[in-house]
């Protein structure tokens, strides 16, 4: 797999990573054996970047990844985790003592002395403008608890505020064929600053797989059931904030224009074609999904004709629902 520089971290990673939310919680049941098999399949396919969070299964995702790190010492892996969503979302919670406690817990879960990359996990908007927060993150680096830090954001404005911070190594943001707004200002600003872009929710919670229709149902413990209207967390994390029926209409149009082999792989290839993207982190619940996602890196770049179809579909169907919100 081709590699890319991960912003200011100093790491070089395979351009298709793995998002490990599915392996922790909120996507239906995944056994530890299946989770480990999925991780190994991704690594076997060339993935070297794995993204997790302390809140995924209350540490379960991190602990499964720890087992992978023990068993796959043959591969140089970079693991990013996130912190902050295990407490009430008050800006005052984002302070040094909590950061130390949170990173200590993640270091123990992952079985490492130093975290490769820790990210603020979509904190309240005022956090991005608080100097003390970033002073505290600098302290974590100085204390060798973490090698680098970044942020995960909900909005483009939050991303731009973070990019202006000199210590921010990466910004994780929703970017996919149903979320084009980051292309306007965020990706150019990140490229100019040398900040890495981690593209998350690349398949819009599976919508861009092209496998769903109006009759598709999801398990009660799957966020695509319980968070469809933002009941548990930001609705933008579920189907990228696009109403399900609208998303289906858009996906059918994109599928008709897609060169294949699968719409999901083309969706990932489209993200990799965007200048400034460091790594894309599709999730997977089983080894075939992990292998298919990694194979997207081998596809040729998307054509101008297909890219025009993406833009036209977004402008006509999707933008009215998401563009001004995030």
C-alpha atoms as a PDB file:
ATOM      1  CA  UNK A   1       0.000   0.000   0.000  1.00  0.00           C
ATOM      2  CA  UNK A   2       1.210   3.507  -0.761  1.00  0.00           C
ATOM      3  CA  UNK A   3       2.096   5.592   2.266  1.00  0.00           C
ATOM      4  CA  UNK A   4       1.596   9.226   3.226  1.00  0.00           C
ATOM      5  CA  UNK A   5       2.996  11.599   5.834  1.00  0.00           C
ATOM      6  CA  UNK A   6       0.660  11.916   8.812  1.00  0.00           C
ATOM      7  CA  UNK A   7       0.808  15.662   9.263  1.00  0.00           C
ATOM      8  CA  UNK A   8       3.131  16.919  11.981  1.00  0.00           C
ATOM      9  CA  UNK A   9       3.377  13.559  13.762  1.00  0.00           C
ATOM     10  CA  UNK A  10       6.505  12.473  11.892  1.00  0.00           C
ATOM     11  CA  UNK A  11       4.829   9.130  11.129  1.00  0.00           C
ATOM     12  CA  UNK A  12       4.352   7.678   7.670  1.00  0.00           C
ATOM     13  CA  UNK A  13       1.265   5.474   7.328  1.00  0.00           C
ATOM     14  CA  UNK A  14      -0.598   3.413   4.771  1.00  0.00           C
ATOM     15  CA  UNK A  15      -3.145   5.647   3.065  1.00  0.00           C
ATOM     16  CA  UNK A  16      -6.101   3.387   3.945  1.00  0.00           C
ATOM     17  CA  UNK A  17      -6.289   2.927   7.700  1.00  0.00           C
ATOM     18  CA  UNK A  18      -8.880   1.255   9.899  1.00  0.00           C
ATOM     19  CA  UNK A  19     -11.453   2.924  12.117  1.00  0.00           C
ATOM     20  CA  UNK A  20     -12.027   0.735  15.175  1.00  0.00           C
ATOM     21  CA  UNK A  21     -15.334   2.125  16.464  1.00  0.00           C
ATOM     22  CA  UNK A  22     -17.134  -0.940  15.095  1.00  0.00           C
ATOM     23  CA  UNK A  23     -14.866  -3.204  17.111  1.00  0.00           C
ATOM     24  CA  UNK A  24     -15.863  -1.567  20.384  1.00  0.00           C
ATOM     25  CA  UNK A  25     -19.562  -0.759  20.398  1.00  0.00           C
ATOM     26  CA  UNK A  26     -22.533   0.956  18.730  1.00  0.00           C
ATOM     27  CA  UNK A  27     -22.519  -1.089  15.500  1.00  0.00           C
ATOM     28  CA  UNK A  28     -24.114  -4.280  16.749  1.00  0.00           C
ATOM     29  CA  UNK A  29     -22.311  -7.181  18.397  1.00  0.00           C
ATOM     30  CA  UNK A  30     -18.776  -8.030  17.273  1.00  0.00           C
ATOM     31  CA  UNK A  31     -16.953 -10.771  19.195  1.00  0.00           C
ATOM     32  CA  UNK A  32     -13.360 -10.313  20.312  1.00  0.00           C
ATOM     33  CA  UNK A  33     -12.286 -13.101  17.968  1.00  0.00           C
ATOM     34  CA  UNK A  34     -13.989 -11.401  15.028  1.00  0.00           C
ATOM     35  CA  UNK A  35     -12.524  -8.051  16.036  1.00  0.00           C
ATOM     36  CA  UNK A  36      -9.004  -9.478  16.162  1.00  0.00           C
ATOM     37  CA  UNK A  37      -9.488 -11.264  12.837  1.00  0.00           C
ATOM     38  CA  UNK A  38     -10.624  -7.996  11.268  1.00  0.00           C
ATOM     39  CA  UNK A  39      -7.602  -6.140  12.616  1.00  0.00           C
ATOM     40  CA  UNK A  40      -5.246  -8.803  11.310  1.00  0.00           C
ATOM     41  CA  UNK A  41      -6.904  -8.803   7.891  1.00  0.00           C
ATOM     42  CA  UNK A  42      -6.444  -5.042   7.649  1.00  0.00           C
ATOM     43  CA  UNK A  43      -2.777  -5.304   8.619  1.00  0.00           C
ATOM     44  CA  UNK A  44      -2.235  -8.162   6.172  1.00  0.00           C
ATOM     45  CA  UNK A  45      -3.684  -5.934   3.436  1.00  0.00           C
ATOM     46  CA  UNK A  46      -1.198  -3.152   4.157  1.00  0.00           C
ATOM     47  CA  UNK A  47      -2.981  -1.033   6.766  1.00  0.00           C
ATOM     48  CA  UNK A  48      -0.579   0.498   9.295  1.00  0.00           C
ATOM     49  CA  UNK A  49      -2.814   3.172  10.883  1.00  0.00           C
ATOM     50  CA  UNK A  50      -5.594   2.296  13.326  1.00  0.00           C
ATOM     51  CA  UNK A  51      -7.900   4.848  14.934  1.00  0.00           C
ATOM     52  CA  UNK A  52      -9.748   4.128  18.162  1.00  0.00           C
ATOM     53  CA  UNK A  53     -11.052   5.968  21.256  1.00  0.00           C
ATOM     54  CA  UNK A  54     -11.275   5.410  24.980  1.00  0.00           C
ATOM     55  CA  UNK A  55     -15.067   5.523  24.770  1.00  0.00           C
ATOM     56  CA  UNK A  56     -15.457   2.753  22.156  1.00  0.00           C
ATOM     57  CA  UNK A  57     -16.889  -0.021  24.259  1.00  0.00           C
ATOM     58  CA  UNK A  58     -15.526   1.825  27.318  1.00  0.00           C
ATOM     59  CA  UNK A  59     -11.996   0.770  26.356  1.00  0.00           C
ATOM     60  CA  UNK A  60     -12.842  -2.540  24.672  1.00  0.00           C
ATOM     61  CA  UNK A  61     -11.593  -1.373  21.271  1.00  0.00           C
ATOM     62  CA  UNK A  62      -8.290  -0.206  22.767  1.00  0.00           C
ATOM     63  CA  UNK A  63      -7.809  -3.498  24.599  1.00  0.00           C
ATOM     64  CA  UNK A  64      -8.381  -5.581  21.463  1.00  0.00           C
ATOM     65  CA  UNK A  65      -5.863  -3.415  19.624  1.00  0.00           C
ATOM     66  CA  UNK A  66      -3.399  -4.019  22.473  1.00  0.00           C
ATOM     67  CA  UNK A  67      -3.576  -7.713  21.707  1.00  0.00           C
ATOM     68  CA  UNK A  68      -2.889  -6.983  18.047  1.00  0.00           C
ATOM     69  CA  UNK A  69       0.150  -4.899  18.986  1.00  0.00           C
ATOM     70  CA  UNK A  70       1.498  -7.787  21.040  1.00  0.00           C
ATOM     71  CA  UNK A  71       0.942 -10.323  18.281  1.00  0.00           C
ATOM     72  CA  UNK A  72       1.994  -8.250  15.245  1.00  0.00           C
ATOM     73  CA  UNK A  73       5.364  -6.881  16.215  1.00  0.00           C
ATOM     74  CA  UNK A  74       6.435  -7.666  12.641  1.00  0.00           C
ATOM     75  CA  UNK A  75       4.571  -4.586  11.364  1.00  0.00           C
ATOM     76  CA  UNK A  76       5.234  -0.948  12.333  1.00  0.00           C
ATOM     77  CA  UNK A  77       1.756   0.192  13.387  1.00  0.00           C
ATOM     78  CA  UNK A  78       0.608   3.673  14.346  1.00  0.00           C
ATOM     79  CA  UNK A  79      -2.355   3.751  16.728  1.00  0.00           C
ATOM     80  CA  UNK A  80      -4.336   6.921  17.347  1.00  0.00           C
ATOM     81  CA  UNK A  81      -6.802   7.139  20.189  1.00  0.00           C
ATOM     82  CA  UNK A  82      -9.189   9.845  21.344  1.00  0.00           C
ATOM     83  CA  UNK A  83     -10.176  11.205  24.739  1.00  0.00           C
ATOM     84  CA  UNK A  84     -12.832  13.314  26.368  1.00  0.00           C
ATOM     85  CA  UNK A  85     -16.178  11.670  25.641  1.00  0.00           C
ATOM     86  CA  UNK A  86     -16.376   9.606  28.818  1.00  0.00           C
ATOM     87  CA  UNK A  87     -17.380  12.630  30.900  1.00  0.00           C
ATOM     88  CA  UNK A  88     -20.051  15.318  30.725  1.00  0.00           C
ATOM     89  CA  UNK A  89     -19.275  17.619  27.827  1.00  0.00           C
ATOM     90  CA  UNK A  90     -18.335  20.747  29.736  1.00  0.00           C
ATOM     91  CA  UNK A  91     -15.366  22.851  28.561  1.00  0.00           C
ATOM     92  CA  UNK A  92     -14.040  22.896  32.140  1.00  0.00           C
ATOM     93  CA  UNK A  93     -13.397  19.129  31.940  1.00  0.00           C
ATOM     94  CA  UNK A  94     -10.679  19.679  29.349  1.00  0.00           C
ATOM     95  CA  UNK A  95      -7.754  20.347  31.682  1.00  0.00           C
ATOM     96  CA  UNK A  96      -4.353  18.851  32.439  1.00  0.00           C
ATOM     97  CA  UNK A  97      -5.217  16.590  35.385  1.00  0.00           C
ATOM     98  CA  UNK A  98      -7.994  14.956  33.395  1.00  0.00           C
ATOM     99  CA  UNK A  99      -5.766  14.662  30.341  1.00  0.00           C
ATOM    100  CA  UNK A 100      -3.170  12.842  32.422  1.00  0.00           C
ATOM    101  CA  UNK A 101      -5.780  10.462  33.844  1.00  0.00           C
ATOM    102  CA  UNK A 102      -7.374   9.818  30.463  1.00  0.00           C
ATOM    103  CA  UNK A 103      -4.090   9.154  28.692  1.00  0.00           C
ATOM    104  CA  UNK A 104      -2.905   6.930  31.557  1.00  0.00           C
ATOM    105  CA  UNK A 105      -6.014   4.812  31.086  1.00  0.00           C
ATOM    106  CA  UNK A 106      -5.510   4.582  27.327  1.00  0.00           C
ATOM    107  CA  UNK A 107      -1.831   3.722  27.734  1.00  0.00           C
ATOM    108  CA  UNK A 108      -2.826   0.896  30.056  1.00  0.00           C
ATOM    109  CA  UNK A 109      -5.584  -0.297  27.726  1.00  0.00           C
ATOM    110  CA  UNK A 110      -3.243  -0.272  24.721  1.00  0.00           C
ATOM    111  CA  UNK A 111      -0.285  -1.676  26.635  1.00  0.00           C
ATOM    112  CA  UNK A 112       2.095   1.093  25.574  1.00  0.00           C
ATOM    113  CA  UNK A 113       4.255   3.574  27.448  1.00  0.00           C
ATOM    114  CA  UNK A 114       3.674   6.394  24.964  1.00  0.00           C
ATOM    115  CA  UNK A 115       0.592   6.998  22.824  1.00  0.00           C
ATOM    116  CA  UNK A 116       1.435   7.595  19.158  1.00  0.00           C
ATOM    117  CA  UNK A 117      -1.332  10.156  18.727  1.00  0.00           C
ATOM    118  CA  UNK A 118      -4.062  11.330  21.090  1.00  0.00           C
ATOM    119  CA  UNK A 119      -6.970  13.411  19.800  1.00  0.00           C
ATOM    120  CA  UNK A 120      -9.557  15.517  21.560  1.00  0.00           C
ATOM    121  CA  UNK A 121     -12.782  13.668  20.753  1.00  0.00           C
ATOM    122  CA  UNK A 122     -15.145  16.263  19.294  1.00  0.00           C
ATOM    123  CA  UNK A 123     -15.095  18.474  22.393  1.00  0.00           C
ATOM    124  CA  UNK A 124     -17.396  21.458  22.969  1.00  0.00           C
ATOM    125  CA  UNK A 125     -16.629  24.248  20.500  1.00  0.00           C
ATOM    126  CA  UNK A 126     -15.150  26.678  23.101  1.00  0.00           C
ATOM    127  CA  UNK A 127     -12.380  24.147  23.820  1.00  0.00           C
ATOM    128  CA  UNK A 128     -10.756  24.893  20.464  1.00  0.00           C
ATOM    129  CA  UNK A 129     -10.258  28.544  21.450  1.00  0.00           C
ATOM    130  CA  UNK A 130      -8.887  27.897  24.942  1.00  0.00           C
ATOM    131  CA  UNK A 131      -5.128  28.437  25.198  1.00  0.00           C
ATOM    132  CA  UNK A 132      -4.854  26.416  28.418  1.00  0.00           C
ATOM    133  CA  UNK A 133      -6.161  23.319  26.660  1.00  0.00           C
ATOM    134  CA  UNK A 134      -3.346  23.358  24.147  1.00  0.00           C
ATOM    135  CA  UNK A 135      -0.789  24.232  26.817  1.00  0.00           C
ATOM    136  CA  UNK A 136      -1.931  21.086  28.623  1.00  0.00           C
ATOM    137  CA  UNK A 137      -1.594  19.018  25.461  1.00  0.00           C
ATOM    138  CA  UNK A 138       1.928  20.380  24.990  1.00  0.00           C
ATOM    139  CA  UNK A 139       2.644  19.231  28.542  1.00  0.00           C
ATOM    140  CA  UNK A 140       1.555  15.684  27.670  1.00  0.00           C
ATOM    141  CA  UNK A 141       4.129  15.661  24.879  1.00  0.00           C
ATOM    142  CA  UNK A 142       6.822  17.105  27.167  1.00  0.00           C
ATOM    143  CA  UNK A 143       6.042  14.423  29.762  1.00  0.00           C
ATOM    144  CA  UNK A 144       6.355  11.745  27.048  1.00  0.00           C
ATOM    145  CA  UNK A 145       2.858  10.448  27.611  1.00  0.00           C
ATOM    146  CA  UNK A 146       2.050  11.106  23.954  1.00  0.00           C
ATOM    147  CA  UNK A 147       4.183  11.600  20.853  1.00  0.00           C
ATOM    148  CA  UNK A 148       1.743  13.978  19.188  1.00  0.00           C
ATOM    149  CA  UNK A 149      -1.763  15.331  19.543  1.00  0.00           C
ATOM    150  CA  UNK A 150      -4.594  16.282  17.276  1.00  0.00           C
ATOM    151  CA  UNK A 151      -8.305  16.962  17.300  1.00  0.00           C
ATOM    152  CA  UNK A 152     -11.427  15.312  16.007  1.00  0.00           C
ATOM    153  CA  UNK A 153     -14.028  17.877  14.972  1.00  0.00           C
ATOM    154  CA  UNK A 154     -17.645  18.118  13.949  1.00  0.00           C
ATOM    155  CA  UNK A 155     -17.515  21.390  11.999  1.00  0.00           C
ATOM    156  CA  UNK A 156     -15.258  23.026   9.449  1.00  0.00           C
ATOM    157  CA  UNK A 157     -14.956  26.118  11.647  1.00  0.00           C
ATOM    158  CA  UNK A 158     -13.640  23.977  14.512  1.00  0.00           C
ATOM    159  CA  UNK A 159     -11.131  22.430  12.128  1.00  0.00           C
ATOM    160  CA  UNK A 160      -9.866  25.811  10.947  1.00  0.00           C
ATOM    161  CA  UNK A 161      -9.467  27.021  14.548  1.00  0.00           C
ATOM    162  CA  UNK A 162      -7.448  23.910  15.397  1.00  0.00           C
ATOM    163  CA  UNK A 163      -5.262  24.118  12.301  1.00  0.00           C
ATOM    164  CA  UNK A 164      -4.109  27.551  13.436  1.00  0.00           C
ATOM    165  CA  UNK A 165      -2.648  26.000  16.614  1.00  0.00           C
ATOM    166  CA  UNK A 166       1.081  25.304  16.113  1.00  0.00           C
ATOM    167  CA  UNK A 167       1.095  22.074  18.112  1.00  0.00           C
ATOM    168  CA  UNK A 168      -1.837  20.381  16.397  1.00  0.00           C
ATOM    169  CA  UNK A 169      -0.484  17.512  14.296  1.00  0.00           C
ATOM    170  CA  UNK A 170      -3.724  16.205  12.773  1.00  0.00           C
ATOM    171  CA  UNK A 171      -7.379  17.044  12.299  1.00  0.00           C
ATOM    172  CA  UNK A 172      -9.928  14.265  11.987  1.00  0.00           C
ATOM    173  CA  UNK A 173     -13.060  15.305  10.117  1.00  0.00           C
ATOM    174  CA  UNK A 174     -16.001  13.722   8.330  1.00  0.00           C
ATOM    175  CA  UNK A 175     -15.199  13.704   4.616  1.00  0.00           C
ATOM    176  CA  UNK A 176     -17.022  11.648   2.021  1.00  0.00           C
ATOM    177  CA  UNK A 177     -19.060  12.014  -1.163  1.00  0.00           C
ATOM    178  CA  UNK A 178     -22.000  13.263   0.943  1.00  0.00           C
ATOM    179  CA  UNK A 179     -19.849  15.762   2.909  1.00  0.00           C
ATOM    180  CA  UNK A 180     -17.930  18.050   0.547  1.00  0.00           C
ATOM    181  CA  UNK A 181     -17.634  21.212   2.622  1.00  0.00           C
ATOM    182  CA  UNK A 182     -14.142  20.389   4.005  1.00  0.00           C
ATOM    183  CA  UNK A 183     -12.806  20.599   0.451  1.00  0.00           C
ATOM    184  CA  UNK A 184     -13.476  24.336   0.339  1.00  0.00           C
ATOM    185  CA  UNK A 185     -11.248  25.639   3.129  1.00  0.00           C
ATOM    186  CA  UNK A 186     -10.214  22.927   5.576  1.00  0.00           C
ATOM    187  CA  UNK A 187      -8.081  20.757   3.306  1.00  0.00           C
ATOM    188  CA  UNK A 188      -6.246  23.722   1.734  1.00  0.00           C
ATOM    189  CA  UNK A 189      -5.571  25.250   5.171  1.00  0.00           C
ATOM    190  CA  UNK A 190      -4.311  21.948   6.552  1.00  0.00           C
ATOM    191  CA  UNK A 191      -2.010  21.398   3.582  1.00  0.00           C
ATOM    192  CA  UNK A 192      -0.571  24.890   3.923  1.00  0.00           C
ATOM    193  CA  UNK A 193       0.086  24.355   7.647  1.00  0.00           C
ATOM    194  CA  UNK A 194       1.439  20.815   7.332  1.00  0.00           C
ATOM    195  CA  UNK A 195      -1.432  19.419   9.420  1.00  0.00           C
ATOM    196  CA  UNK A 196      -2.585  15.903   8.601  1.00  0.00           C
ATOM    197  CA  UNK A 197      -6.183  15.196   7.611  1.00  0.00           C
ATOM    198  CA  UNK A 198      -7.734  11.955   8.880  1.00  0.00           C
ATOM    199  CA  UNK A 199     -10.926  11.382   6.876  1.00  0.00           C
ATOM    200  CA  UNK A 200     -13.527   9.638   9.003  1.00  0.00           C
ATOM    201  CA  UNK A 201     -17.035   8.277   8.273  1.00  0.00           C
ATOM    202  CA  UNK A 202     -15.850   7.786   4.676  1.00  0.00           C
ATOM    203  CA  UNK A 203     -18.771   5.534   3.743  1.00  0.00           C
ATOM    204  CA  UNK A 204     -21.432   7.613   5.536  1.00  0.00           C
ATOM    205  CA  UNK A 205     -22.164   4.845   8.069  1.00  0.00           C
ATOM    206  CA  UNK A 206     -22.417   2.314   5.270  1.00  0.00           C
ATOM    207  CA  UNK A 207     -24.770   4.306   3.031  1.00  0.00           C
ATOM    208  CA  UNK A 208     -22.045   4.586   0.410  1.00  0.00           C
ATOM    209  CA  UNK A 209     -21.682   0.823   0.265  1.00  0.00           C
ATOM    210  CA  UNK A 210     -24.812   0.874  -1.894  1.00  0.00           C
ATOM    211  CA  UNK A 211     -26.198  -2.132   0.010  1.00  0.00           C
ATOM    212  CA  UNK A 212     -29.068  -0.403   1.841  1.00  0.00           C
ATOM    213  CA  UNK A 213     -32.613   0.356   0.775  1.00  0.00           C
ATOM    214  CA  UNK A 214     -35.831   1.600   2.344  1.00  0.00           C
ATOM    215  CA  UNK A 215     -36.376  -1.785   3.979  1.00  0.00           C
ATOM    216  CA  UNK A 216     -32.965  -2.052   5.666  1.00  0.00           C
ATOM    217  CA  UNK A 217     -33.096  -2.291   9.465  1.00  0.00           C
ATOM    218  CA  UNK A 218     -30.338  -2.133  12.065  1.00  0.00           C
ATOM    219  CA  UNK A 219     -29.913  -3.732  15.482  1.00  0.00           C
ATOM    220  CA  UNK A 220     -31.186  -1.760  18.493  1.00  0.00           C
ATOM    221  CA  UNK A 221     -27.605  -1.330  19.775  1.00  0.00           C
ATOM    222  CA  UNK A 222     -26.454   0.063  16.399  1.00  0.00           C
ATOM    223  CA  UNK A 223     -26.196   3.866  16.276  1.00  0.00           C
ATOM    224  CA  UNK A 224     -27.897   3.756  12.879  1.00  0.00           C
ATOM    225  CA  UNK A 225     -31.011   2.855  14.877  1.00  0.00           C
ATOM    226  CA  UNK A 226     -30.632   4.815  18.104  1.00  0.00           C
ATOM    227  CA  UNK A 227     -28.931   7.988  16.850  1.00  0.00           C
ATOM    228  CA  UNK A 228     -30.677   8.588  13.551  1.00  0.00           C
ATOM    229  CA  UNK A 229     -31.982  11.922  14.802  1.00  0.00           C
ATOM    230  CA  UNK A 230     -29.090  12.778  17.126  1.00  0.00           C
ATOM    231  CA  UNK A 231     -30.573  11.228  20.254  1.00  0.00           C
ATOM    232  CA  UNK A 232     -27.211  10.081  21.688  1.00  0.00           C
ATOM    233  CA  UNK A 233     -24.552  12.275  20.025  1.00  0.00           C
ATOM    234  CA  UNK A 234     -24.134  14.584  17.054  1.00  0.00           C
ATOM    235  CA  UNK A 235     -26.418  13.385  14.271  1.00  0.00           C
ATOM    236  CA  UNK A 236     -23.663  14.144  11.778  1.00  0.00           C
ATOM    237  CA  UNK A 237     -21.907  10.964  12.905  1.00  0.00           C
ATOM    238  CA  UNK A 238     -24.829   8.839  11.645  1.00  0.00           C
ATOM    239  CA  UNK A 239     -25.234   8.716   7.863  1.00  0.00           C
ATOM    240  CA  UNK A 240     -23.186  11.956   7.845  1.00  0.00           C
ATOM    241  CA  UNK A 241     -26.286  13.803   9.040  1.00  0.00           C
ATOM    242  CA  UNK A 242     -28.135  13.104   5.785  1.00  0.00           C
ATOM    243  CA  UNK A 243     -31.758  11.942   6.126  1.00  0.00           C
ATOM    244  CA  UNK A 244     -31.752   8.235   5.290  1.00  0.00           C
ATOM    245  CA  UNK A 245     -34.178   8.446   2.371  1.00  0.00           C
ATOM    246  CA  UNK A 246     -32.313  11.398   0.843  1.00  0.00           C
ATOM    247  CA  UNK A 247     -29.071   9.502   1.206  1.00  0.00           C
ATOM    248  CA  UNK A 248     -30.499   6.495  -0.582  1.00  0.00           C
ATOM    249  CA  UNK A 249     -31.528   8.660  -3.536  1.00  0.00           C
ATOM    250  CA  UNK A 250     -28.071  10.192  -3.735  1.00  0.00           C
ATOM    251  CA  UNK A 251     -26.338   6.834  -3.482  1.00  0.00           C
ATOM    252  CA  UNK A 252     -28.424   5.400  -6.320  1.00  0.00           C
ATOM    253  CA  UNK A 253     -27.344   8.273  -8.532  1.00  0.00           C
ATOM    254  CA  UNK A 254     -23.690   7.816  -7.555  1.00  0.00           C
ATOM    255  CA  UNK A 255     -23.892   4.052  -8.086  1.00  0.00           C
ATOM    256  CA  UNK A 256     -25.154   4.601 -11.623  1.00  0.00           C
ATOM    257  CA  UNK A 257     -22.114   6.782 -12.363  1.00  0.00           C
ATOM    258  CA  UNK A 258     -19.591   4.611 -10.504  1.00  0.00           C
ATOM    259  CA  UNK A 259     -16.892   2.813 -12.513  1.00  0.00           C
ATOM    260  CA  UNK A 260     -16.727   0.030  -9.894  1.00  0.00           C
ATOM    261  CA  UNK A 261     -15.668  -2.513  -8.827  1.00  0.00           C
ATOM    262  CA  UNK A 262     -17.829  -1.555  -5.833  1.00  0.00           C
ATOM    263  CA  UNK A 263     -19.300   1.766  -4.831  1.00  0.00           C
ATOM    264  CA  UNK A 264     -17.649   1.517  -1.402  1.00  0.00           C
ATOM    265  CA  UNK A 265     -14.205   1.155  -2.950  1.00  0.00           C
ATOM    266  CA  UNK A 266     -14.816   4.013  -5.363  1.00  0.00           C
ATOM    267  CA  UNK A 267     -15.990   6.166  -2.436  1.00  0.00           C
ATOM    268  CA  UNK A 268     -12.709   5.507  -0.636  1.00  0.00           C
ATOM    269  CA  UNK A 269     -10.683   6.115  -3.809  1.00  0.00           C
ATOM    270  CA  UNK A 270     -12.491   9.455  -4.268  1.00  0.00           C
ATOM    271  CA  UNK A 271     -11.352  10.536  -0.787  1.00  0.00           C
ATOM    272  CA  UNK A 272      -7.758   9.508  -1.489  1.00  0.00           C
ATOM    273  CA  UNK A 273      -7.865  11.651  -4.625  1.00  0.00           C
ATOM    274  CA  UNK A 274      -8.483  14.810  -2.570  1.00  0.00           C
ATOM    275  CA  UNK A 275      -5.304  16.831  -2.087  1.00  0.00           C
ATOM    276  CA  UNK A 276      -4.360  17.121   1.572  1.00  0.00           C
ATOM    277  CA  UNK A 277      -5.815  13.839   2.840  1.00  0.00           C
ATOM    278  CA  UNK A 278      -3.297  11.880   4.920  1.00  0.00           C
ATOM    279  CA  UNK A 279      -5.309   8.736   5.621  1.00  0.00           C
ATOM    280  CA  UNK A 280      -8.885   7.513   5.325  1.00  0.00           C
ATOM    281  CA  UNK A 281     -10.271   5.333   8.127  1.00  0.00           C
ATOM    282  CA  UNK A 282     -13.174   3.134   7.023  1.00  0.00           C
ATOM    283  CA  UNK A 283     -14.510   0.793   9.641  1.00  0.00           C
ATOM    284  CA  UNK A 284     -14.946  -2.934   9.146  1.00  0.00           C
ATOM    285  CA  UNK A 285     -16.728  -5.640  11.094  1.00  0.00           C
ATOM    286  CA  UNK A 286     -15.143  -8.653   9.411  1.00  0.00           C
ATOM    287  CA  UNK A 287     -11.982  -9.610   7.490  1.00  0.00           C
ATOM    288  CA  UNK A 288     -13.485  -9.434   3.963  1.00  0.00           C
ATOM    289  CA  UNK A 289     -14.643  -5.858   4.587  1.00  0.00           C
ATOM    290  CA  UNK A 290     -11.201  -4.880   5.873  1.00  0.00           C
ATOM    291  CA  UNK A 291      -9.473  -6.412   2.854  1.00  0.00           C
ATOM    292  CA  UNK A 292     -11.899  -4.816   0.389  1.00  0.00           C
ATOM    293  CA  UNK A 293     -11.412  -1.396   1.968  1.00  0.00           C
ATOM    294  CA  UNK A 294      -7.632  -1.666   1.736  1.00  0.00           C
ATOM    295  CA  UNK A 295      -7.893  -2.713  -1.909  1.00  0.00           C
ATOM    296  CA  UNK A 296      -9.405   0.682  -2.740  1.00  0.00           C
ATOM    297  CA  UNK A 297      -5.884   2.087  -2.586  1.00  0.00           C
ATOM    298  CA  UNK A 298      -5.028   0.053  -5.696  1.00  0.00           C
ATOM    299  CA  UNK A 299      -7.774   1.557  -7.848  1.00  0.00           C
ATOM    300  CA  UNK A 300      -6.895   4.192 -10.458  1.00  0.00           C
ATOM    301  CA  UNK A 301      -7.853   7.778  -9.614  1.00  0.00           C
ATOM    302  CA  UNK A 302     -11.489   8.642 -10.171  1.00  0.00           C
ATOM    303  CA  UNK A 303     -12.301  10.306 -13.473  1.00  0.00           C
ATOM    304  CA  UNK A 304     -13.276  13.922 -14.019  1.00  0.00           C
ATOM    305  CA  UNK A 305     -16.691  12.701 -15.158  1.00  0.00           C
ATOM    306  CA  UNK A 306     -17.297  10.808 -11.925  1.00  0.00           C
ATOM    307  CA  UNK A 307     -16.070  13.701  -9.796  1.00  0.00           C
ATOM    308  CA  UNK A 308     -18.526  15.988 -11.586  1.00  0.00           C
ATOM    309  CA  UNK A 309     -21.302  13.513 -10.791  1.00  0.00           C
ATOM    310  CA  UNK A 310     -20.328  13.628  -7.107  1.00  0.00           C
ATOM    311  CA  UNK A 311     -20.437  17.424  -7.058  1.00  0.00           C
ATOM    312  CA  UNK A 312     -23.741  17.636  -8.924  1.00  0.00           C
ATOM    313  CA  UNK A 313     -25.380  15.017  -6.683  1.00  0.00           C
ATOM    314  CA  UNK A 314     -24.152  16.795  -3.576  1.00  0.00           C
ATOM    315  CA  UNK A 315     -25.328  20.225  -4.719  1.00  0.00           C
ATOM    316  CA  UNK A 316     -28.761  19.028  -5.789  1.00  0.00           C
ATOM    317  CA  UNK A 317     -29.656  16.524  -3.070  1.00  0.00           C
ATOM    318  CA  UNK A 318     -27.320  16.721  -0.084  1.00  0.00           C
ATOM    319  CA  UNK A 319     -26.097  20.282   0.445  1.00  0.00           C
ATOM    320  CA  UNK A 320     -29.483  21.640   1.606  1.00  0.00           C
ATOM    321  CA  UNK A 321     -29.359  19.200   4.538  1.00  0.00           C
ATOM    322  CA  UNK A 322     -25.730  19.395   5.682  1.00  0.00           C
ATOM    323  CA  UNK A 323     -23.671  22.156   4.103  1.00  0.00           C
ATOM    324  CA  UNK A 324     -24.521  25.013   6.460  1.00  0.00           C
ATOM    325  CA  UNK A 325     -24.719  22.859   9.582  1.00  0.00           C
ATOM    326  CA  UNK A 326     -21.223  21.386   9.706  1.00  0.00           C
END
